[in-house]
Amino acid sequence: MPTLSASSSSASASASASTPPLPVPGPASRDAAVPADTLAALINLAGRQRMLSQRLVLQALLASMGRELALAAAREALALFADSHTTLVHGKGRLPGAHFAEVREAYFGAAGGDGRIREFISLAEQTLQALESGASQSATLLQALIGSAGAVLPLLNQITQIYESESRRCAEHLKRQLLALMGDIKSVAKQARMVAFNAQVLAARSGDSGREFAVVAKELTQVTGEIDELAEVALRVSGD
């Protein structure tokens, strides 16, 4: 990053003060239920970070060329990028944030993803402020921002891939649970068929006195058949 003047250093301090570091999220149970639509939202949010980082740099570059509205567009992209990062790390509403080990490692482990992204955000704030005020160091800051965006892009790609892998893992875990449940249901249905068959045999031996019992046994046989059909449908839906 280039050496900044006193005014730029002041801007940097102001930017850092406006976005104080938040506590590192604590560990969560790996098998904690995270709905598929929630994981999809996290994947979309992580993917959007890549696009926003590039849009931010492009609009800042256009602003340096005097293009109208470019500075406002760059500020909007930066605000969305910063808010999305906070959401991905610390959560917001139904989104749990960095709720499993791999994504926490990406943000707070050796790669220092959270710190690198926050540095990019701070540099972007300085650059846009310099462009707005016409400061002499705006060109130097812009070049630094372009380089920072290129360096942070692989990290953003990695985080998106981590969320995609987690989504696949959760889908496989859910499928295994469904298969186990279907196995239990089929086992119960099998035992019920045996009971129904034995009941029909006993009813037939009892003559007229076992007629009503035979009706009940027949109904139980039909119910177990319907259970088998439902289990087969569920297995087909699960893709097995």
C-alpha atoms as a PDB file:
ATOM      1  CA  MET A   1       0.000   0.000   0.000  1.00  0.00           C
ATOM      2  CA  PRO A   2       1.402   3.490  -0.822  1.00  0.00           C
ATOM      3  CA  THR A   3       2.680   5.955   1.805  1.00  0.00           C
ATOM      4  CA  LEU A   4      -0.160   8.375   2.616  1.00  0.00           C
ATOM      5  CA  SER A   5      -0.101  11.987   3.623  1.00  0.00           C
ATOM      6  CA  ALA A   6      -1.276  13.200   7.007  1.00  0.00           C
ATOM      7  CA  SER A   7      -4.739  13.888   5.647  1.00  0.00           C
ATOM      8  CA  SER A   8      -4.926  10.361   4.200  1.00  0.00           C
ATOM      9  CA  SER A   9      -3.749   8.873   7.479  1.00  0.00           C
ATOM     10  CA  SER A  10      -6.509  10.788   9.220  1.00  0.00           C
ATOM     11  CA  ALA A  11      -9.019   9.420   6.738  1.00  0.00           C
ATOM     12  CA  SER A  12      -7.722   5.919   7.372  1.00  0.00           C
ATOM     13  CA  ALA A  13      -8.131   6.344  11.125  1.00  0.00           C
ATOM     14  CA  SER A  14     -11.637   7.667  10.609  1.00  0.00           C
ATOM     15  CA  ALA A  15     -12.515   4.716   8.372  1.00  0.00           C
ATOM     16  CA  SER A  16     -11.168   2.251  10.910  1.00  0.00           C
ATOM     17  CA  ALA A  17     -13.113   3.919  13.691  1.00  0.00           C
ATOM     18  CA  SER A  18     -16.316   3.727  11.687  1.00  0.00           C
ATOM     19  CA  THR A  19     -15.985  -0.044  11.264  1.00  0.00           C
ATOM     20  CA  PRO A  20     -14.562  -1.430  14.525  1.00  0.00           C
ATOM     21  CA  PRO A  21     -13.573  -5.107  14.568  1.00  0.00           C
ATOM     22  CA  LEU A  22     -16.244  -7.432  15.874  1.00  0.00           C
ATOM     23  CA  PRO A  23     -15.637 -10.511  18.046  1.00  0.00           C
ATOM     24  CA  VAL A  24     -14.695 -13.718  16.260  1.00  0.00           C
ATOM     25  CA  PRO A  25     -17.814 -15.940  16.023  1.00  0.00           C
ATOM     26  CA  GLY A  26     -17.737 -18.908  18.366  1.00  0.00           C
ATOM     27  CA  PRO A  27     -17.858 -22.503  17.144  1.00  0.00           C
ATOM     28  CA  ALA A  28     -21.179 -24.088  16.301  1.00  0.00           C
ATOM     29  CA  SER A  29     -22.232 -27.697  16.000  1.00  0.00           C
ATOM     30  CA  ARG A  30     -21.236 -28.993  12.556  1.00  0.00           C
ATOM     31  CA  ASP A  31     -24.476 -30.900  12.220  1.00  0.00           C
ATOM     32  CA  ALA A  32     -26.647 -28.000  13.389  1.00  0.00           C
ATOM     33  CA  ALA A  33     -29.617 -27.798  11.061  1.00  0.00           C
ATOM     34  CA  VAL A  34     -29.129 -25.043   8.484  1.00  0.00           C
ATOM     35  CA  PRO A  35     -31.987 -24.907   5.970  1.00  0.00           C
ATOM     36  CA  ALA A  36     -31.046 -25.369   2.322  1.00  0.00           C
ATOM     37  CA  ASP A  37     -32.484 -21.965   1.402  1.00  0.00           C
ATOM     38  CA  THR A  38     -30.308 -20.329   4.072  1.00  0.00           C
ATOM     39  CA  LEU A  39     -27.180 -21.947   2.641  1.00  0.00           C
ATOM     40  CA  ALA A  40     -28.264 -20.859  -0.834  1.00  0.00           C
ATOM     41  CA  ALA A  41     -28.598 -17.274   0.433  1.00  0.00           C
ATOM     42  CA  LEU A  42     -25.086 -17.444   1.930  1.00  0.00           C
ATOM     43  CA  ILE A  43     -23.681 -18.774  -1.361  1.00  0.00           C
ATOM     44  CA  ASN A  44     -25.366 -15.959  -3.285  1.00  0.00           C
ATOM     45  CA  LEU A  45     -24.097 -13.379  -0.809  1.00  0.00           C
ATOM     46  CA  ALA A  46     -20.530 -14.693  -0.993  1.00  0.00           C
ATOM     47  CA  GLY A  47     -20.699 -14.771  -4.786  1.00  0.00           C
ATOM     48  CA  ARG A  48     -22.029 -11.219  -4.868  1.00  0.00           C
ATOM     49  CA  GLN A  49     -18.935 -10.072  -2.946  1.00  0.00           C
ATOM     50  CA  ARG A  50     -16.786 -10.921  -5.953  1.00  0.00           C
ATOM     51  CA  MET A  51     -18.976  -8.883  -8.286  1.00  0.00           C
ATOM     52  CA  LEU A  52     -19.201  -5.934  -5.874  1.00  0.00           C
ATOM     53  CA  SER A  53     -15.421  -5.748  -5.443  1.00  0.00           C
ATOM     54  CA  GLN A  54     -14.981  -5.447  -9.211  1.00  0.00           C
ATOM     55  CA  ARG A  55     -17.875  -2.997  -9.599  1.00  0.00           C
ATOM     56  CA  LEU A  56     -16.397  -0.836  -6.847  1.00  0.00           C
ATOM     57  CA  VAL A  57     -13.018  -0.597  -8.590  1.00  0.00           C
ATOM     58  CA  LEU A  58     -14.611   0.046 -11.997  1.00  0.00           C
ATOM     59  CA  GLN A  59     -16.799   2.861 -10.682  1.00  0.00           C
ATOM     60  CA  ALA A  60     -13.874   4.388  -8.788  1.00  0.00           C
ATOM     61  CA  LEU A  61     -11.844   4.324 -11.999  1.00  0.00           C
ATOM     62  CA  LEU A  62     -14.704   5.990 -13.903  1.00  0.00           C
ATOM     63  CA  ALA A  63     -15.007   8.598 -11.148  1.00  0.00           C
ATOM     64  CA  SER A  64     -11.305   9.420 -11.551  1.00  0.00           C
ATOM     65  CA  MET A  65     -12.070  10.141 -15.221  1.00  0.00           C
ATOM     66  CA  GLY A  66     -14.776  12.601 -14.255  1.00  0.00           C
ATOM     67  CA  ARG A  67     -17.742  10.405 -15.109  1.00  0.00           C
ATOM     68  CA  GLU A  68     -20.902  11.703 -13.467  1.00  0.00           C
ATOM     69  CA  LEU A  69     -22.664   9.465 -10.951  1.00  0.00           C
ATOM     70  CA  ALA A  70     -19.692   7.069 -10.852  1.00  0.00           C
ATOM     71  CA  LEU A  71     -18.619   8.169  -7.374  1.00  0.00           C
ATOM     72  CA  ALA A  72     -22.115   7.608  -5.982  1.00  0.00           C
ATOM     73  CA  ALA A  73     -22.236   4.182  -7.639  1.00  0.00           C
ATOM     74  CA  ALA A  74     -18.857   3.323  -6.132  1.00  0.00           C
ATOM     75  CA  ARG A  75     -20.037   4.354  -2.665  1.00  0.00           C
ATOM     76  CA  GLU A  76     -23.156   2.218  -3.059  1.00  0.00           C
ATOM     77  CA  ALA A  77     -21.070  -0.796  -4.094  1.00  0.00           C
ATOM     78  CA  LEU A  78     -18.750  -0.246  -1.128  1.00  0.00           C
ATOM     79  CA  ALA A  79     -21.664   0.001   1.329  1.00  0.00           C
ATOM     80  CA  LEU A  80     -23.164  -3.243  -0.017  1.00  0.00           C
ATOM     81  CA  PHE A  81     -19.782  -4.974   0.068  1.00  0.00           C
ATOM     82  CA  ALA A  82     -19.092  -3.930   3.678  1.00  0.00           C
ATOM     83  CA  ASP A  83     -22.589  -4.910   4.832  1.00  0.00           C
ATOM     84  CA  SER A  84     -22.366  -8.290   3.080  1.00  0.00           C
ATOM     85  CA  HIS A  85     -19.009  -9.000   4.700  1.00  0.00           C
ATOM     86  CA  THR A  86     -20.395  -8.238   8.165  1.00  0.00           C
ATOM     87  CA  THR A  87     -23.367 -10.511   7.458  1.00  0.00           C
ATOM     88  CA  LEU A  88     -21.210 -13.384   6.214  1.00  0.00           C
ATOM     89  CA  VAL A  89     -18.912 -13.192   9.227  1.00  0.00           C
ATOM     90  CA  HIS A  90     -21.263 -12.268  12.066  1.00  0.00           C
ATOM     91  CA  GLY A  91     -24.714 -13.071  10.688  1.00  0.00           C
ATOM     92  CA  LYS A  92     -27.878 -11.059  10.270  1.00  0.00           C
ATOM     93  CA  GLY A  93     -31.490 -12.148  10.680  1.00  0.00           C
ATOM     94  CA  ARG A  94     -31.852 -15.757   9.565  1.00  0.00           C
ATOM     95  CA  LEU A  95     -28.302 -15.872   8.180  1.00  0.00           C
ATOM     96  CA  PRO A  96     -25.958 -17.468  10.732  1.00  0.00           C
ATOM     97  CA  GLY A  97     -22.639 -15.980   9.583  1.00  0.00           C
ATOM     98  CA  ALA A  98     -19.410 -17.994   9.906  1.00  0.00           C
ATOM     99  CA  HIS A  99     -21.122 -20.971  11.528  1.00  0.00           C
ATOM    100  CA  PHE A 100     -18.728 -23.814  10.661  1.00  0.00           C
ATOM    101  CA  ALA A 101     -15.012 -24.486  10.977  1.00  0.00           C
ATOM    102  CA  GLU A 102     -13.871 -24.130   7.362  1.00  0.00           C
ATOM    103  CA  VAL A 103     -15.337 -20.690   6.822  1.00  0.00           C
ATOM    104  CA  ARG A 104     -14.127 -19.481  10.235  1.00  0.00           C
ATOM    105  CA  GLU A 105     -10.641 -20.674   9.274  1.00  0.00           C
ATOM    106  CA  ALA A 106     -10.832 -18.737   5.996  1.00  0.00           C
ATOM    107  CA  TYR A 107     -11.780 -15.535   7.810  1.00  0.00           C
ATOM    108  CA  PHE A 108      -9.783 -15.831  11.054  1.00  0.00           C
ATOM    109  CA  GLY A 109      -7.127 -18.481  10.414  1.00  0.00           C
ATOM    110  CA  ALA A 110      -3.664 -18.202   8.878  1.00  0.00           C
ATOM    111  CA  ALA A 111      -5.004 -16.607   5.679  1.00  0.00           C
ATOM    112  CA  GLY A 112      -6.452 -13.711   7.699  1.00  0.00           C
ATOM    113  CA  GLY A 113      -9.393 -13.286   5.356  1.00  0.00           C
ATOM    114  CA  ASP A 114     -11.388 -10.987   7.618  1.00  0.00           C
ATOM    115  CA  GLY A 115      -8.448  -8.630   8.127  1.00  0.00           C
ATOM    116  CA  ARG A 116      -7.589  -8.559   4.422  1.00  0.00           C
ATOM    117  CA  ILE A 117     -11.155  -7.803   3.422  1.00  0.00           C
ATOM    118  CA  ARG A 118     -11.432  -5.079   6.052  1.00  0.00           C
ATOM    119  CA  GLU A 119      -8.189  -3.539   4.755  1.00  0.00           C
ATOM    120  CA  PHE A 120      -9.696  -3.528   1.257  1.00  0.00           C
ATOM    121  CA  ILE A 121     -12.808  -1.801   2.605  1.00  0.00           C
ATOM    122  CA  SER A 122     -10.709   0.789   4.445  1.00  0.00           C
ATOM    123  CA  LEU A 123      -8.578   1.466   1.351  1.00  0.00           C
ATOM    124  CA  ALA A 124     -11.706   1.851  -0.760  1.00  0.00           C
ATOM    125  CA  GLU A 125     -13.103   4.383   1.728  1.00  0.00           C
ATOM    126  CA  GLN A 126      -9.868   6.379   1.576  1.00  0.00           C
ATOM    127  CA  THR A 127      -9.787   6.252  -2.226  1.00  0.00           C
ATOM    128  CA  LEU A 128     -13.369   7.453  -2.650  1.00  0.00           C
ATOM    129  CA  GLN A 129     -12.840  10.227  -0.128  1.00  0.00           C
ATOM    130  CA  ALA A 130      -9.717  11.348  -2.000  1.00  0.00           C
ATOM    131  CA  LEU A 131     -11.538  11.254  -5.339  1.00  0.00           C
ATOM    132  CA  GLU A 132     -14.399  13.273  -3.928  1.00  0.00           C
ATOM    133  CA  SER A 133     -12.123  15.947  -2.473  1.00  0.00           C
ATOM    134  CA  GLY A 134      -9.751  16.000  -5.443  1.00  0.00           C
ATOM    135  CA  ALA A 135      -6.761  15.150  -3.241  1.00  0.00           C
ATOM    136  CA  SER A 136      -3.401  14.828  -4.981  1.00  0.00           C
ATOM    137  CA  GLN A 137      -2.874  11.262  -3.758  1.00  0.00           C
ATOM    138  CA  SER A 138      -6.137   9.991  -5.301  1.00  0.00           C
ATOM    139  CA  ALA A 139      -4.321   8.465  -8.304  1.00  0.00           C
ATOM    140  CA  THR A 140      -1.892   6.612  -6.027  1.00  0.00           C
ATOM    141  CA  LEU A 141      -4.739   5.362  -3.840  1.00  0.00           C
ATOM    142  CA  LEU A 142      -6.685   4.243  -6.898  1.00  0.00           C
ATOM    143  CA  GLN A 143      -3.759   2.162  -8.141  1.00  0.00           C
ATOM    144  CA  ALA A 144      -3.421   0.629  -4.682  1.00  0.00           C
ATOM    145  CA  LEU A 145      -7.149  -0.173  -4.669  1.00  0.00           C
ATOM    146  CA  ILE A 146      -6.892  -1.911  -8.046  1.00  0.00           C
ATOM    147  CA  GLY A 147      -4.023  -4.036  -6.759  1.00  0.00           C
ATOM    148  CA  SER A 148      -5.859  -4.801  -3.516  1.00  0.00           C
ATOM    149  CA  ALA A 149      -8.969  -5.904  -5.416  1.00  0.00           C
ATOM    150  CA  GLY A 150      -6.887  -8.292  -7.500  1.00  0.00           C
ATOM    151  CA  ALA A 151      -5.292  -9.743  -4.374  1.00  0.00           C
ATOM    152  CA  VAL A 152      -8.565 -10.193  -2.480  1.00  0.00           C
ATOM    153  CA  LEU A 153     -10.508 -11.733  -5.391  1.00  0.00           C
ATOM    154  CA  PRO A 154      -9.035 -15.271  -4.958  1.00  0.00           C
ATOM    155  CA  LEU A 155      -9.981 -15.108  -1.276  1.00  0.00           C
ATOM    156  CA  LEU A 156     -13.576 -14.193  -2.159  1.00  0.00           C
ATOM    157  CA  ASN A 157     -13.650 -17.079  -4.647  1.00  0.00           C
ATOM    158  CA  GLN A 158     -12.334 -19.459  -1.979  1.00  0.00           C
ATOM    159  CA  ILE A 159     -15.017 -18.392   0.514  1.00  0.00           C
ATOM    160  CA  THR A 160     -17.754 -18.916  -2.078  1.00  0.00           C
ATOM    161  CA  GLN A 161     -16.408 -22.410  -2.803  1.00  0.00           C
ATOM    162  CA  ILE A 162     -16.369 -23.205   0.929  1.00  0.00           C
ATOM    163  CA  TYR A 163     -20.062 -22.341   1.196  1.00  0.00           C
ATOM    164  CA  GLU A 164     -20.832 -24.402  -1.913  1.00  0.00           C
ATOM    165  CA  SER A 165     -18.986 -27.387  -0.418  1.00  0.00           C
ATOM    166  CA  GLU A 166     -20.900 -26.990   2.839  1.00  0.00           C
ATOM    167  CA  SER A 167     -24.174 -26.965   0.925  1.00  0.00           C
ATOM    168  CA  ARG A 168     -23.257 -30.246  -0.773  1.00  0.00           C
ATOM    169  CA  ARG A 169     -22.186 -31.751   2.561  1.00  0.00           C
ATOM    170  CA  CYS A 170     -25.480 -30.787   4.196  1.00  0.00           C
ATOM    171  CA  ALA A 171     -27.434 -32.202   1.247  1.00  0.00           C
ATOM    172  CA  GLU A 172     -25.593 -35.522   1.598  1.00  0.00           C
ATOM    173  CA  HIS A 173     -26.165 -35.529   5.358  1.00  0.00           C
ATOM    174  CA  LEU A 174     -29.890 -34.919   4.848  1.00  0.00           C
ATOM    175  CA  LYS A 175     -30.032 -37.683   2.252  1.00  0.00           C
ATOM    176  CA  ARG A 176     -28.405 -40.150   4.658  1.00  0.00           C
ATOM    177  CA  GLN A 177     -30.916 -39.192   7.347  1.00  0.00           C
ATOM    178  CA  LEU A 178     -33.793 -39.699   4.905  1.00  0.00           C
ATOM    179  CA  LEU A 179     -32.497 -43.091   3.806  1.00  0.00           C
ATOM    180  CA  ALA A 180     -32.125 -44.182   7.438  1.00  0.00           C
ATOM    181  CA  LEU A 181     -35.664 -43.015   8.181  1.00  0.00           C
ATOM    182  CA  MET A 182     -37.039 -44.838   5.149  1.00  0.00           C
ATOM    183  CA  GLY A 183     -35.215 -47.970   6.268  1.00  0.00           C
ATOM    184  CA  ASP A 184     -36.855 -47.741   9.682  1.00  0.00           C
ATOM    185  CA  ILE A 185     -40.275 -47.219   8.127  1.00  0.00           C
ATOM    186  CA  LYS A 186     -39.885 -50.216   5.812  1.00  0.00           C
ATOM    187  CA  SER A 187     -38.754 -52.341   8.764  1.00  0.00           C
ATOM    188  CA  VAL A 188     -41.844 -51.368  10.762  1.00  0.00           C
ATOM    189  CA  ALA A 189     -44.049 -52.029   7.737  1.00  0.00           C
ATOM    190  CA  LYS A 190     -42.489 -55.476   7.305  1.00  0.00           C
ATOM    191  CA  GLN A 191     -43.180 -56.372  10.927  1.00  0.00           C
ATOM    192  CA  ALA A 192     -46.743 -55.071  10.588  1.00  0.00           C
ATOM    193  CA  ARG A 193     -47.307 -57.283   7.534  1.00  0.00           C
ATOM    194  CA  MET A 194     -46.168 -60.304   9.527  1.00  0.00           C
ATOM    195  CA  VAL A 195     -48.598 -59.440  12.317  1.00  0.00           C
ATOM    196  CA  ALA A 196     -51.403 -58.962   9.783  1.00  0.00           C
ATOM    197  CA  PHE A 197     -50.649 -62.289   8.118  1.00  0.00           C
ATOM    198  CA  ASN A 198     -50.633 -64.157  11.429  1.00  0.00           C
ATOM    199  CA  ALA A 199     -53.858 -62.404  12.397  1.00  0.00           C
ATOM    200  CA  GLN A 200     -55.533 -63.512   9.167  1.00  0.00           C
ATOM    201  CA  VAL A 201     -54.470 -67.119   9.795  1.00  0.00           C
ATOM    202  CA  LEU A 202     -55.863 -67.014  13.334  1.00  0.00           C
ATOM    203  CA  ALA A 203     -59.077 -65.382  12.136  1.00  0.00           C
ATOM    204  CA  ALA A 204     -59.585 -68.077   9.503  1.00  0.00           C
ATOM    205  CA  ARG A 205     -59.152 -70.800  12.145  1.00  0.00           C
ATOM    206  CA  SER A 206     -61.671 -69.081  14.413  1.00  0.00           C
ATOM    207  CA  GLY A 207     -64.488 -69.289  11.918  1.00  0.00           C
ATOM    208  CA  ASP A 208     -67.385 -66.861  12.342  1.00  0.00           C
ATOM    209  CA  SER A 209     -66.054 -65.574  15.647  1.00  0.00           C
ATOM    210  CA  GLY A 210     -62.888 -64.372  13.907  1.00  0.00           C
ATOM    211  CA  ARG A 211     -64.630 -62.595  11.041  1.00  0.00           C
ATOM    212  CA  GLU A 212     -64.319 -59.074  12.462  1.00  0.00           C
ATOM    213  CA  PHE A 213     -60.720 -59.743  13.382  1.00  0.00           C
ATOM    214  CA  ALA A 214     -60.081 -60.764   9.755  1.00  0.00           C
ATOM    215  CA  VAL A 215     -61.444 -57.406   8.543  1.00  0.00           C
ATOM    216  CA  VAL A 216     -59.041 -55.545  10.817  1.00  0.00           C
ATOM    217  CA  ALA A 217     -56.115 -57.708   9.661  1.00  0.00           C
ATOM    218  CA  LYS A 218     -57.004 -57.013   6.028  1.00  0.00           C
ATOM    219  CA  GLU A 219     -57.056 -53.250   6.638  1.00  0.00           C
ATOM    220  CA  LEU A 220     -53.680 -53.466   8.348  1.00  0.00           C
ATOM    221  CA  THR A 221     -52.282 -55.272   5.313  1.00  0.00           C
ATOM    222  CA  GLN A 222     -53.527 -52.489   3.037  1.00  0.00           C
ATOM    223  CA  VAL A 223     -52.025 -49.820   5.284  1.00  0.00           C
ATOM    224  CA  THR A 224     -48.613 -51.489   5.230  1.00  0.00           C
ATOM    225  CA  GLY A 225     -48.805 -51.641   1.435  1.00  0.00           C
ATOM    226  CA  GLU A 226     -49.469 -47.889   1.306  1.00  0.00           C
ATOM    227  CA  ILE A 227     -46.526 -47.284   3.643  1.00  0.00           C
ATOM    228  CA  ASP A 228     -44.271 -49.266   1.293  1.00  0.00           C
ATOM    229  CA  GLU A 229     -45.442 -47.187  -1.657  1.00  0.00           C
ATOM    230  CA  LEU A 230     -44.795 -43.917   0.188  1.00  0.00           C
ATOM    231  CA  ALA A 231     -41.336 -45.111   1.182  1.00  0.00           C
ATOM    232  CA  GLU A 232     -40.508 -45.941  -2.439  1.00  0.00           C
ATOM    233  CA  VAL A 233     -41.687 -42.502  -3.571  1.00  0.00           C
ATOM    234  CA  ALA A 234     -39.534 -40.825  -0.927  1.00  0.00           C
ATOM    235  CA  LEU A 235     -36.498 -42.837  -2.031  1.00  0.00           C
ATOM    236  CA  ARG A 236     -37.033 -41.815  -5.662  1.00  0.00           C
ATOM    237  CA  VAL A 237     -37.385 -38.155  -4.671  1.00  0.00           C
ATOM    238  CA  SER A 238     -34.134 -38.360  -2.697  1.00  0.00           C
ATOM    239  CA  GLY A 239     -32.397 -39.518  -5.870  1.00  0.00           C
ATOM    240  CA  ASP A 240     -31.356 -42.907  -4.556  1.00  0.00           C
END
